[in-house]
Amino acid sequence: MTGIDYFSLEEMRCKDGTPYPVEWEQSRWRAELLPTSNVIREEYGAPISIVSGFRSHAPSPLMCSNSRR
């Protein structure tokens, strides 16, 4: 490994703008997710986009719809 962090905590925020929980930063982000993500990125050898790093408990408009599909 190169020791480079390829991912930022900002990338992990929810798409609704909710930040990654501060109380998880050390125990989950620094201890587990960042090191694992960096290894995956190194092995893959190309940039990886974070689609969903954290999802807040705020309801999604699609999930709140009364219509049945």
C-alpha atoms as a PDB file:
ATOM      1  CA  MET A   1       0.000   0.000   0.000  1.00  0.00           C
ATOM      2  CA  THR A   2       1.106   3.522  -0.715  1.00  0.00           C
ATOM      3  CA  GLY A   3      -0.262   5.093   2.480  1.00  0.00           C
ATOM      4  CA  ILE A   4      -2.531   7.347   0.436  1.00  0.00           C
ATOM      5  CA  ASP A   5      -6.111   7.913   1.556  1.00  0.00           C
ATOM      6  CA  TYR A   6      -8.157   7.761  -1.628  1.00  0.00           C
ATOM      7  CA  PHE A   7     -11.451   8.605   0.057  1.00  0.00           C
ATOM      8  CA  SER A   8     -12.650  11.489   2.212  1.00  0.00           C
ATOM      9  CA  LEU A   9     -15.177  11.577   4.999  1.00  0.00           C
ATOM     10  CA  GLU A  10     -17.082  14.158   2.940  1.00  0.00           C
ATOM     11  CA  GLU A  11     -17.700  11.499   0.266  1.00  0.00           C
ATOM     12  CA  MET A  12     -19.439   9.357   2.871  1.00  0.00           C
ATOM     13  CA  ARG A  13     -22.169  11.885   3.718  1.00  0.00           C
ATOM     14  CA  CYS A  14     -25.751  11.022   2.837  1.00  0.00           C
ATOM     15  CA  LYS A  15     -27.027  12.314  -0.482  1.00  0.00           C
ATOM     16  CA  ASP A  16     -29.606  14.365   1.458  1.00  0.00           C
ATOM     17  CA  GLY A  17     -26.677  16.323   2.935  1.00  0.00           C
ATOM     18  CA  THR A  18     -26.610  14.600   6.340  1.00  0.00           C
ATOM     19  CA  PRO A  19     -22.952  14.248   7.359  1.00  0.00           C
ATOM     20  CA  TYR A  20     -21.346  10.970   8.338  1.00  0.00           C
ATOM     21  CA  PRO A  21     -21.973  10.623  12.100  1.00  0.00           C
ATOM     22  CA  VAL A  22     -19.173  12.149  14.189  1.00  0.00           C
ATOM     23  CA  GLU A  23     -19.513   9.352  16.739  1.00  0.00           C
ATOM     24  CA  TRP A  24     -18.662   6.812  14.008  1.00  0.00           C
ATOM     25  CA  GLU A  25     -15.640   8.651  12.624  1.00  0.00           C
ATOM     26  CA  GLN A  26     -12.997   6.882  14.727  1.00  0.00           C
ATOM     27  CA  SER A  27     -14.695   3.568  15.411  1.00  0.00           C
ATOM     28  CA  ARG A  28     -15.981   2.864  11.915  1.00  0.00           C
ATOM     29  CA  TRP A  29     -14.438   5.247   9.378  1.00  0.00           C
ATOM     30  CA  ARG A  30     -10.812   5.399  10.515  1.00  0.00           C
ATOM     31  CA  ALA A  31     -10.674   1.901  12.031  1.00  0.00           C
ATOM     32  CA  GLU A  32     -12.467  -0.089   9.326  1.00  0.00           C
ATOM     33  CA  LEU A  33     -13.929   1.632   6.278  1.00  0.00           C
ATOM     34  CA  LEU A  34     -11.035   3.845   5.200  1.00  0.00           C
ATOM     35  CA  PRO A  35      -8.312   1.162   5.429  1.00  0.00           C
ATOM     36  CA  THR A  36     -10.501  -1.417   3.669  1.00  0.00           C
ATOM     37  CA  SER A  37     -11.577   1.056   0.983  1.00  0.00           C
ATOM     38  CA  ASN A  38      -7.964   2.050   0.345  1.00  0.00           C
ATOM     39  CA  VAL A  39      -6.918  -1.604  -0.110  1.00  0.00           C
ATOM     40  CA  ILE A  40      -9.786  -2.171  -2.560  1.00  0.00           C
ATOM     41  CA  ARG A  41      -8.817   0.988  -4.478  1.00  0.00           C
ATOM     42  CA  GLU A  42      -5.153  -0.089  -4.617  1.00  0.00           C
ATOM     43  CA  GLU A  43      -6.073  -3.554  -5.889  1.00  0.00           C
ATOM     44  CA  TYR A  44      -8.559  -2.170  -8.433  1.00  0.00           C
ATOM     45  CA  GLY A  45      -5.990   0.318  -9.701  1.00  0.00           C
ATOM     46  CA  ALA A  46      -8.453   3.012 -10.758  1.00  0.00           C
ATOM     47  CA  PRO A  47     -10.749   5.582  -9.130  1.00  0.00           C
ATOM     48  CA  ILE A  48     -13.892   4.302  -7.423  1.00  0.00           C
ATOM     49  CA  SER A  49     -16.996   6.444  -6.888  1.00  0.00           C
ATOM     50  CA  ILE A  50     -18.804   6.253  -3.575  1.00  0.00           C
ATOM     51  CA  VAL A  51     -22.510   5.839  -4.300  1.00  0.00           C
ATOM     52  CA  SER A  52     -23.786   5.429  -0.750  1.00  0.00           C
ATOM     53  CA  GLY A  53     -21.408   5.731   2.176  1.00  0.00           C
ATOM     54  CA  PHE A  54     -24.052   6.602   4.762  1.00  0.00           C
ATOM     55  CA  ARG A  55     -27.835   6.843   4.669  1.00  0.00           C
ATOM     56  CA  SER A  56     -29.686   8.965   7.181  1.00  0.00           C
ATOM     57  CA  HIS A  57     -32.947   7.943   8.774  1.00  0.00           C
ATOM     58  CA  ALA A  58     -34.743  10.743   6.927  1.00  0.00           C
ATOM     59  CA  PRO A  59     -37.371   9.188   4.668  1.00  0.00           C
ATOM     60  CA  SER A  60     -36.801   9.199   0.953  1.00  0.00           C
ATOM     61  CA  PRO A  61     -39.575  10.874  -1.081  1.00  0.00           C
ATOM     62  CA  LEU A  62     -39.803   7.699  -3.180  1.00  0.00           C
ATOM     63  CA  MET A  63     -40.301   5.547  -0.093  1.00  0.00           C
ATOM     64  CA  CYS A  64     -42.989   7.887   1.246  1.00  0.00           C
ATOM     65  CA  SER A  65     -45.100   7.733  -1.868  1.00  0.00           C
ATOM     66  CA  ASN A  66     -48.589   6.287  -1.421  1.00  0.00           C
ATOM     67  CA  SER A  67     -48.618   4.997  -4.957  1.00  0.00           C
ATOM     68  CA  ARG A  68     -48.004   1.337  -5.627  1.00  0.00           C
ATOM     69  CA  ARG A  69     -45.807   0.425  -8.520  1.00  0.00           C
END
